[in-house]
Amino acid sequence: MHLPDGIVPVEFALAGYAASGVLTALALSQLNRQPDPRAAIPRAAMLTTVFFAAALVAIPVPPTSVHLMLSGLMGVMLGWFAMPAIMVGLFLQAVLFGHGGLTTLGLNGVIVGLPALLAFGFWQLAGRRWPDMAALVAGSGAVVLGLAVFAAIVLAGLPVALDSGAESLAIRAFLLAHLPLVLAEGVIVLALMRVLRRVEPGLVPHV
C-alpha cells in the first residue's frame, strides 16, 4: 500500500514531506528524553529489516495484491522509534526496489508511520490491563487507519477530468482486498505479545 511517483499533485507530495518531517522530529525529540536513547537501536534495526522485507512480498488478492504493513507491530515494539525506522525502511524500498516513490516518500511515511505511533499510544494506554485486546486492536487498527489515510489522499488528489465514480469503485475494491490483512496483522501482534509474555516478559515493551 505504497503511493508511487506521479499519482498525487506536487503540493500533496510536499505536504507529505512536511507531515512526516514533523512526526519524525517529534519522535526523535521524545527519544532524546529517554535515559538511554540508543538502547532500542538493535531492536529498531531488526524490526526495520523485517518491515523492509515483508512489504516486498506481494500476495495476490484479486483484483489486486496486498503486502504486510506491520505498522501496528512497529508501533507496539518500537514506540517512538517506529517513525524513524519506518522512514528508513520506506526510503530503502523506494531506492533499491522502486517500491513506492521518492516524491511520495513523505506521504507513505504518514500512511504507515502515523498508524504506528497511534498503535504505540493505544498499547501504552491499554496494554498493561488488557494485553490481548490491546495487541489485536493495535495491529488491526493500524491497518484500518493506514487504508483510510491512503484512500483519502488518492481521492483528494484525483484530477477533475477523471471519472470519479470509476476511481471510487477501484479504491473500494482495493480496500476490500485488504480486509484479510486487517485480521492478519492483528493476529501477528497478538501472537507475538503472547509469546513474549510467556517466554521473556521483560521484552514486552512500553507497559
Protein backbone atom coordinates (compact mmCIF):
# COMPACT_ATOMS: atom_id res chain seq x y z
CA MET A 1 0.00 0.00 0.00
CA HIS A 2 2.57 2.49 -1.21
CA LEU A 3 1.87 5.57 -3.28
CA PRO A 4 4.09 5.56 -6.38
CA ASP A 5 5.64 8.62 -8.00
CA GLY A 6 3.30 10.71 -10.13
CA ILE A 7 0.00 9.65 -8.58
CA VAL A 8 -0.60 12.78 -6.48
CA PRO A 9 -0.15 16.51 -7.15
CA VAL A 10 3.14 18.16 -6.22
CA GLU A 11 1.55 20.09 -3.37
CA PHE A 12 0.36 16.82 -1.84
CA ALA A 13 3.87 15.39 -2.03
CA LEU A 14 5.31 18.49 -0.36
CA ALA A 15 2.65 18.37 2.34
CA GLY A 16 3.53 14.71 2.92
CA TYR A 17 7.18 15.55 3.43
CA ALA A 18 6.20 18.29 5.87
CA ALA A 19 3.88 15.99 7.84
CA SER A 20 6.31 13.07 8.01
CA GLY A 21 9.09 15.51 8.94
CA VAL A 22 7.03 16.80 11.87
CA LEU A 23 6.21 13.26 13.02
CA THR A 24 9.86 12.19 12.76
CA ALA A 25 11.08 15.30 14.59
CA LEU A 26 8.52 14.68 17.35
CA ALA A 27 9.60 11.05 17.64
CA LEU A 28 13.29 11.96 17.82
CA SER A 29 12.65 14.61 20.45
CA GLN A 30 10.81 12.04 22.58
CA LEU A 31 13.64 9.55 22.11
CA ASN A 32 16.21 12.13 23.24
CA ARG A 33 14.34 12.49 26.52
CA GLN A 34 14.84 8.82 27.36
CA PRO A 35 17.64 7.85 29.77
CA ASP A 36 19.44 5.87 27.04
CA PRO A 37 18.13 6.79 23.58
CA ARG A 38 20.44 4.25 21.94
CA ALA A 39 19.22 1.27 23.94
CA ALA A 40 16.49 0.40 21.42
CA ILE A 41 18.70 0.68 18.32
CA PRO A 42 19.33 -3.10 17.98
CA ARG A 43 15.60 -3.83 18.23
CA ALA A 44 14.84 -1.00 15.79
CA ALA A 45 17.40 -2.29 13.30
CA MET A 46 15.97 -5.81 13.46
CA LEU A 47 12.37 -4.69 13.01
CA THR A 48 13.31 -2.27 10.23
CA THR A 49 14.76 -5.24 8.38
CA VAL A 50 11.54 -7.23 8.93
CA PHE A 51 9.44 -4.26 7.80
CA PHE A 52 11.63 -3.72 4.73
CA ALA A 53 11.45 -7.36 3.64
CA ALA A 54 7.79 -8.04 4.46
CA ALA A 55 6.48 -5.16 2.36
CA LEU A 56 8.27 -6.51 -0.71
CA VAL A 57 6.32 -9.80 -0.66
CA ALA A 58 3.11 -9.29 -2.67
CA ILE A 59 0.22 -11.66 -2.03
CA PRO A 60 -2.32 -11.87 -4.90
CA VAL A 61 -5.83 -10.98 -3.72
CA PRO A 62 -7.94 -10.34 -6.85
CA PRO A 63 -8.41 -7.77 -8.25
CA THR A 64 -5.14 -6.53 -6.73
CA SER A 65 -2.33 -7.73 -4.46
CA VAL A 66 -1.54 -6.92 -0.86
CA HIS A 67 1.51 -6.95 1.36
CA LEU A 68 2.06 -6.73 5.08
CA MET A 69 2.21 -3.20 6.50
CA LEU A 70 3.40 -4.08 10.03
CA SER A 71 2.71 -0.55 11.23
CA GLY A 72 0.97 -1.84 14.35
CA LEU A 73 3.83 -4.21 15.11
CA MET A 74 6.39 -1.45 14.61
CA GLY A 75 4.48 0.89 16.90
CA VAL A 76 3.96 -1.61 19.69
CA MET A 77 7.53 -2.96 19.62
CA LEU A 78 9.44 0.26 18.97
CA GLY A 79 7.35 3.09 20.37
CA TRP A 80 8.70 6.45 19.21
CA PHE A 81 11.50 4.65 17.37
CA ALA A 82 8.87 3.35 14.93
CA MET A 83 8.69 6.58 12.93
CA PRO A 84 12.40 6.94 12.03
CA ALA A 85 12.63 3.17 11.49
CA ILE A 86 9.68 3.24 9.08
CA MET A 87 11.13 6.20 7.17
CA VAL A 88 14.44 4.36 6.73
CA GLY A 89 12.64 1.22 5.55
CA LEU A 90 10.46 3.14 3.08
CA PHE A 91 13.46 5.01 1.69
CA LEU A 92 15.39 1.79 1.09
CA GLN A 93 12.35 0.15 -0.53
CA ALA A 94 11.97 3.09 -2.91
CA VAL A 95 15.66 3.40 -3.79
CA LEU A 96 16.57 -0.27 -4.06
CA PHE A 97 13.38 -1.80 -5.48
CA GLY A 98 11.22 1.07 -6.71
CA HIS A 99 8.56 0.09 -4.17
CA GLY A 100 6.76 3.35 -3.53
CA GLY A 101 8.42 6.55 -4.72
CA LEU A 102 10.83 9.24 -3.65
CA THR A 103 8.44 12.09 -4.34
CA THR A 104 5.76 10.30 -2.31
CA LEU A 105 8.11 9.15 0.45
CA GLY A 106 6.66 11.70 2.86
CA LEU A 107 3.08 10.63 2.17
CA ASN A 108 3.98 6.96 2.51
CA GLY A 109 5.65 7.82 5.80
CA VAL A 110 2.38 9.30 7.03
CA ILE A 111 0.33 6.34 5.76
CA VAL A 112 2.48 3.85 7.67
CA GLY A 113 4.06 5.95 10.42
CA LEU A 114 1.03 7.76 11.82
CA PRO A 115 -0.88 4.49 12.47
CA ALA A 116 2.28 3.06 14.07
CA LEU A 117 2.51 5.95 16.54
CA LEU A 118 -1.20 5.70 17.34
CA ALA A 119 -0.85 1.95 17.86
CA PHE A 120 2.00 2.69 20.27
CA GLY A 121 -0.19 5.17 22.16
CA PHE A 122 -3.06 2.70 22.39
CA TRP A 123 -0.73 -0.06 23.57
CA GLN A 124 0.61 2.23 26.27
CA LEU A 125 -2.91 3.02 27.47
CA ALA A 126 -4.41 -0.47 27.38
CA GLY A 127 -1.56 -2.96 27.06
CA ARG A 128 -0.94 -3.49 30.77
CA ARG A 129 -4.58 -4.04 31.69
CA TRP A 130 -5.92 -5.77 28.56
CA PRO A 131 -2.84 -7.02 26.70
CA ASP A 132 -4.61 -9.37 24.27
CA MET A 133 -7.26 -6.86 23.28
CA ALA A 134 -4.71 -4.05 23.04
CA ALA A 135 -2.40 -6.11 20.82
CA LEU A 136 -5.23 -7.15 18.49
CA VAL A 137 -6.63 -3.63 18.19
CA ALA A 138 -3.18 -2.08 17.72
CA GLY A 139 -2.31 -4.46 14.89
CA SER A 140 -5.65 -4.39 13.08
CA GLY A 141 -6.47 -0.77 13.82
CA ALA A 142 -3.19 0.43 12.36
CA VAL A 143 -4.03 -1.23 9.04
CA VAL A 144 -7.54 0.27 9.01
CA LEU A 145 -6.16 3.74 9.70
CA GLY A 146 -3.46 3.33 7.06
CA LEU A 147 -6.07 2.29 4.49
CA ALA A 148 -8.23 5.29 5.40
CA VAL A 149 -5.34 7.73 5.01
CA PHE A 150 -4.30 6.11 1.72
CA ALA A 151 -7.84 6.31 0.30
CA ALA A 152 -8.29 9.91 1.44
CA ILE A 153 -5.05 11.01 -0.22
CA VAL A 154 -5.82 9.25 -3.50
CA LEU A 155 -9.40 10.52 -3.68
CA ALA A 156 -8.39 14.07 -2.82
CA GLY A 157 -5.65 14.06 -5.43
CA LEU A 158 -7.71 12.76 -8.35
CA PRO A 159 -7.67 15.02 -11.41
CA VAL A 160 -11.04 16.57 -12.15
CA ALA A 161 -11.03 15.07 -15.66
CA LEU A 162 -11.05 11.51 -14.36
CA ASP A 163 -14.25 9.57 -13.79
CA SER A 164 -14.56 9.91 -10.02
CA GLY A 165 -17.16 7.13 -9.85
CA ALA A 166 -14.88 4.61 -11.51
CA GLU A 167 -11.94 5.68 -9.39
CA SER A 168 -14.00 5.42 -6.21
CA LEU A 169 -15.11 1.92 -7.23
CA ALA A 170 -11.50 0.92 -7.85
CA ILE A 171 -10.44 2.23 -4.45
CA ARG A 172 -13.30 0.39 -2.72
CA ALA A 173 -12.19 -2.84 -4.40
CA PHE A 174 -8.64 -2.14 -3.28
CA LEU A 175 -9.76 -1.58 0.31
CA LEU A 176 -11.92 -4.73 0.35
CA ALA A 177 -8.94 -6.77 -0.85
CA HIS A 178 -7.05 -5.60 2.25
CA LEU A 179 -9.66 -6.76 4.75
CA PRO A 180 -7.90 -10.12 5.36
CA LEU A 181 -4.76 -8.11 6.11
CA VAL A 182 -6.61 -6.25 8.88
CA LEU A 183 -7.23 -9.51 10.73
CA ALA A 184 -3.84 -10.99 9.89
CA GLU A 185 -1.84 -8.10 11.31
CA GLY A 186 -3.92 -8.05 14.47
CA VAL A 187 -3.23 -11.75 14.94
CA ILE A 188 0.50 -11.23 14.30
CA VAL A 189 0.80 -8.60 17.05
CA LEU A 190 -1.39 -10.65 19.41
CA ALA A 191 0.65 -13.82 18.87
CA LEU A 192 3.97 -12.03 19.34
CA MET A 193 2.87 -10.34 22.56
CA ARG A 194 1.60 -13.64 23.95
CA VAL A 195 4.88 -15.37 23.15
CA LEU A 196 6.93 -12.59 24.72
CA ARG A 197 4.83 -12.56 27.88
CA ARG A 198 5.37 -16.30 28.32
CA VAL A 199 8.99 -16.60 27.23
CA GLU A 200 10.59 -13.28 28.21
CA PRO A 201 8.20 -10.82 29.89
CA GLY A 202 11.00 -8.25 30.13
CA LEU A 203 10.89 -7.87 26.35
CA VAL A 204 7.23 -6.81 26.34
CA PRO A 205 7.58 -3.09 25.60
CA HIS A 206 6.16 0.12 26.99
CA VAL A 207 3.85 -1.24 29.70
